[in-house]
Protein backbone atom coordinates (compact mmCIF):
# COMPACT_ATOMS: atom_id res chain seq x y z
CA MET A 1 14.32 2.68 6.74
CA ILE A 2 15.46 -0.61 5.25
CA VAL A 3 14.39 -0.78 1.62
CA GLY A 4 13.46 -4.36 0.83
CA THR A 5 10.70 -6.81 -0.04
CA TYR A 6 8.11 -7.34 2.69
CA PHE A 7 5.25 -9.13 0.92
CA ASP A 8 4.61 -11.17 -2.19
CA GLY A 9 4.66 -8.80 -5.16
CA ASP A 10 6.45 -6.02 -3.26
CA ASP A 11 8.57 -4.98 -6.23
CA ASP A 12 8.04 -1.21 -6.51
CA MET A 13 11.46 -0.22 -5.21
CA GLU A 14 11.18 3.25 -6.76
CA LEU A 15 8.23 3.95 -4.48
CA ALA A 16 10.06 2.45 -1.51
CA TRP A 17 13.05 4.74 -2.09
CA LYS A 18 10.71 7.74 -2.17
CA GLN A 19 9.46 6.66 1.26
CA HIS A 20 13.08 6.36 2.33
CA ASP A 21 13.61 10.02 1.39
CA VAL A 22 10.96 11.15 3.92
CA TYR A 23 11.82 8.62 6.63
CA GLY A 24 12.46 11.31 9.23
CA GLN A 25 9.13 13.00 8.54
CA ALA A 26 7.32 9.68 8.81
CA LEU A 27 8.95 8.96 12.18
CA GLY A 28 7.88 12.44 13.29
CA ILE A 29 4.27 11.57 12.49
CA VAL A 30 4.46 8.33 14.48
CA VAL A 31 6.15 9.92 17.49
CA GLY A 32 4.15 13.16 17.42
CA THR A 33 0.74 11.49 17.13
CA CYS A 34 1.44 8.88 19.80
CA ASN A 35 2.87 11.55 22.10
CA ARG A 36 -0.32 13.61 21.81
CA PHE A 37 -2.47 10.61 22.62
CA ALA A 38 -0.23 9.72 25.57
CA LEU A 39 -0.27 13.26 26.96
CA PHE A 40 -4.06 13.29 26.76
CA ALA A 41 -4.30 9.94 28.57
CA VAL A 42 -1.88 11.00 31.30
CA ALA A 43 -3.76 14.27 31.85
CA LEU A 44 -7.16 12.57 31.77
CA LEU A 45 -6.17 10.00 34.38
CA GLY A 46 -4.09 12.38 36.48
CA ASP A 47 -1.32 9.82 36.16
CA SER A 48 1.94 10.75 37.88
CA GLY A 49 3.64 7.42 37.21
CA HIS A 50 4.52 8.03 33.55
CA LYS A 51 5.99 11.50 33.57
CA GLU A 52 8.10 10.89 30.44
CA TRP A 53 5.24 9.63 28.31
CA GLY A 54 4.33 12.04 25.54
CA ARG A 55 7.35 14.25 26.21
CA ILE A 56 10.33 12.40 24.73
CA GLU A 57 11.77 14.59 21.97
CA GLY A 58 14.35 12.27 20.42
CA CYS A 59 14.85 8.61 19.70
CA ASP A 60 17.28 6.15 18.22
CA HIS A 61 15.51 5.74 14.88
CA ARG A 62 16.30 2.03 14.84
CA THR A 63 13.86 1.43 17.70
CA LEU A 64 10.92 2.41 15.46
CA GLN A 65 12.40 1.33 12.16
CA GLY A 66 10.72 -2.08 12.12
CA ALA A 67 7.27 -0.64 12.76
CA HIS A 68 7.81 2.15 10.23
CA ASP A 69 8.91 -0.31 7.54
CA LEU A 70 5.79 -2.45 8.06
CA LEU A 71 3.56 0.62 7.78
CA ALA A 72 5.44 1.69 4.65
CA ALA A 73 4.98 -1.76 3.12
CA ALA A 74 1.27 -1.79 3.99
CA TRP A 75 0.87 1.50 2.12
CA ARG A 76 2.76 0.18 -0.90
CA PHE A 77 0.37 -2.77 -0.96
CA ARG A 78 -2.60 -0.37 -0.84
CA GLU A 79 -1.10 1.81 -3.58
CA GLY A 80 -0.38 -1.19 -5.78
CA SER A 81 -4.04 -2.17 -5.69
CA ARG A 82 -5.10 1.39 -6.61
CA GLN A 83 -2.73 2.13 -9.48
CA GLY A 84 -5.50 1.95 -12.08
CA GLU A 85 -7.51 4.55 -10.13
CA LEU A 86 -4.77 7.12 -9.62
CA PRO A 87 -4.76 10.21 -11.87
CA LEU A 88 -1.77 10.85 -14.11
CA VAL A 89 -0.28 13.91 -12.43
CA GLU A 90 3.32 15.02 -12.97
CA ASP A 91 4.44 15.98 -9.50
CA ALA A 92 7.88 15.00 -8.24
CA PHE A 93 6.64 14.85 -4.63
CA LEU A 94 3.14 13.46 -5.12
CA ASP A 95 4.02 9.94 -3.95
CA GLU A 96 5.80 11.18 -0.83
CA ALA A 97 2.88 13.49 0.04
CA ARG A 98 0.35 10.71 -0.49
CA TRP A 99 2.35 8.33 1.72
CA LEU A 100 2.64 10.85 4.55
CA ASP A 101 -1.05 11.78 4.29
CA TRP A 102 -1.98 8.10 4.52
CA LEU A 103 0.31 7.68 7.51
CA ARG A 104 -1.27 10.65 9.31
CA THR A 105 -4.72 9.19 8.73
CA GLU A 106 -3.60 5.74 9.89
CA LEU A 107 -1.97 7.10 13.05
CA SER A 108 -5.07 9.18 13.86
CA THR A 109 -7.04 5.91 14.16
CA TRP A 110 -4.67 4.67 16.84
CA ILE A 111 -6.77 6.62 19.35
CA ASP A 112 -8.78 3.38 19.29
CA GLU A 113 -5.65 1.22 19.54
CA PRO A 114 -4.24 1.98 23.00
CA ARG A 115 -1.93 -1.04 23.01
CA MET A 116 -0.10 0.33 19.96
CA VAL A 117 0.25 3.83 21.44
CA ARG A 118 1.43 2.21 24.66
CA SER A 119 4.04 0.19 22.74
CA VAL A 120 5.41 3.37 21.15
CA GLN A 121 5.69 5.05 24.56
CA LEU A 122 7.42 2.00 26.03
CA ILE A 123 9.84 2.03 23.10
CA LEU A 124 10.62 5.73 23.51
CA SER A 125 11.08 5.52 27.27
CA ASN A 126 13.15 2.30 27.17
CA GLN A 127 15.32 2.74 24.09
CA ASN A 128 17.76 -0.13 23.52
CA GLU A 129 16.68 -1.72 26.79
CA PRO A 130 14.89 -5.08 27.36
CA ALA A 131 11.50 -3.43 27.97
CA GLY A 132 11.92 -1.43 24.79
CA TYR A 133 12.87 -4.50 22.76
CA GLU A 134 9.77 -6.29 24.02
CA ALA A 135 7.62 -3.31 23.01
CA GLU A 136 9.22 -3.20 19.55
CA THR A 137 8.28 -6.85 19.04
CA SER A 138 4.75 -6.30 20.35
CA LEU A 139 4.19 -3.32 18.04
CA CYS A 140 5.48 -5.10 14.93
CA LEU A 141 3.36 -8.19 15.58
CA ALA A 142 0.32 -5.97 16.16
CA LEU A 143 0.94 -4.28 12.79
CA LEU A 144 1.23 -7.62 11.00
CA ASP A 145 -2.16 -8.54 12.47
CA ARG A 146 -3.70 -5.12 11.79
CA PHE A 147 -2.83 -5.39 8.09
CA SER A 148 -3.62 -9.08 7.80
CA ASP A 149 -4.79 -8.65 4.20
CA VAL A 150 -1.20 -7.92 3.14
CA PRO A 151 0.48 -11.15 1.95
CA TRP A 152 3.38 -10.72 4.35
CA LYS A 153 6.47 -12.87 3.93
CA GLN A 154 6.34 -15.62 6.54
CA SER A 155 9.90 -14.85 7.57
CA LEU A 156 8.78 -11.46 8.93
CA ARG A 157 6.53 -12.92 11.59
CA GLU A 158 9.05 -15.59 12.42
CA ALA A 159 11.76 -12.97 12.88
CA HIS A 160 9.62 -10.81 15.17
CA GLU A 161 8.38 -13.79 17.14
CA ALA A 162 12.02 -14.71 17.67
CA ASP A 163 12.32 -11.29 19.35
CA GLY A 164 14.57 -9.85 16.65
CA ALA A 165 17.69 -11.08 18.43
CA GLU A 166 19.90 -10.53 15.39
CA THR A 167 18.66 -6.95 14.96
CA ARG A 168 19.41 -6.14 18.57
CA LEU A 169 22.84 -7.70 18.35
CA ALA A 170 23.54 -5.48 15.34
CA ARG A 171 23.07 -2.40 17.53
CA SER A 172 26.68 -2.52 18.59
CA ASP A 173 26.76 1.18 19.46
CA PRO A 174 23.26 2.13 20.70
CA GLY A 175 22.33 5.71 21.38
CA THR A 176 25.06 7.37 19.35
CA GLU A 177 24.22 10.77 17.91
CA SER A 178 24.12 9.47 14.32
CA ASN A 179 21.22 7.20 15.24
CA VAL A 180 19.17 9.79 17.11
CA VAL A 181 16.32 11.69 15.47
CA TRP A 182 14.95 14.73 17.31
CA PHE A 183 11.37 15.96 17.18
CA PRO A 184 10.14 19.28 18.62
CA ALA A 185 7.97 18.82 21.71
CA VAL A 186 5.53 21.44 20.41
CA CYS A 187 4.94 21.88 16.70
CA ALA A 188 5.24 25.54 15.71
CA CYS A 189 2.37 25.07 13.26
CA VAL A 190 0.02 24.83 16.24
CA GLY A 191 1.10 28.29 17.34
CA GLN A 192 -0.09 29.60 13.96
CA GLY A 193 -3.49 27.96 14.31
CA LEU A 194 -2.55 25.23 11.83
CA PRO A 195 -2.64 21.43 12.24
CA PRO A 196 0.71 20.04 13.44
CA CYS A 197 2.89 19.08 10.46
CA ASN A 198 4.75 16.40 12.48
CA GLU A 199 7.95 17.16 10.64
CA SER A 200 11.42 17.71 12.03
CA PRO A 201 12.30 20.53 11.86
CA CYS A 202 8.79 21.95 11.89
CA ARG A 203 7.51 23.37 8.59
CA THR A 204 6.43 26.67 10.18
CA TRP A 205 9.72 26.97 12.05
CA GLN A 206 11.64 26.55 8.78
CA ARG A 207 9.73 29.23 6.87
CA THR A 208 9.43 31.93 9.56
CA ASP A 209 11.94 33.59 11.84
CA HIS A 210 14.09 30.55 12.56
CA GLN A 211 16.53 31.37 9.79
CA SER A 212 17.01 34.86 11.22
CA GLY A 213 17.93 33.48 14.61
CA ALA A 214 14.60 34.00 16.38
CA GLU A 215 13.20 31.39 18.74
CA PRO A 216 10.68 28.92 17.26
CA LEU A 217 7.01 29.75 17.75
CA GLU A 218 5.30 28.04 20.67
């Protein structure tokens, strides 16, 4: 995540850094939710032409960073407009939890936004390739339109419409291990009858037998 200013009045950097702390979990929600939708679509249509869709377990985080940062900024804008309504609760992780809950809810509505789910799958299956770059641009522009009430900086749209050439050039060493984030194909929470946590590593996996060397629940 790149912590910066994305819209007029986007000055709550403390909140942005809290989002930065759970960047991996947020990416897990994006990837996990879109993968489930893609798997459902592939199974429903009996499609044999997109065998990778919904099954990619890792990605260069930079390929989804732009989309994540726009979603994070959209939430900060929403939170800024609600500050007077929020209860005064002393909880060190309340902001992070609220952000991730909002993101889960937002991603769940993408069942009605197939072009956005498709863009994520094209990104995952064409990482640091021309088709993936095109999908990154498409997804970011779609998010700018989806949250049109946010007073986005004009330079954001201009940069994405210019295909993010500078960002791509900056990826001088694509695909290196330090840039790859891995997500479990099956969330262990599901095996316990719980909703998927979309975290990496899985919450259930962390608190059960994983530490003793057992295999994760499936």
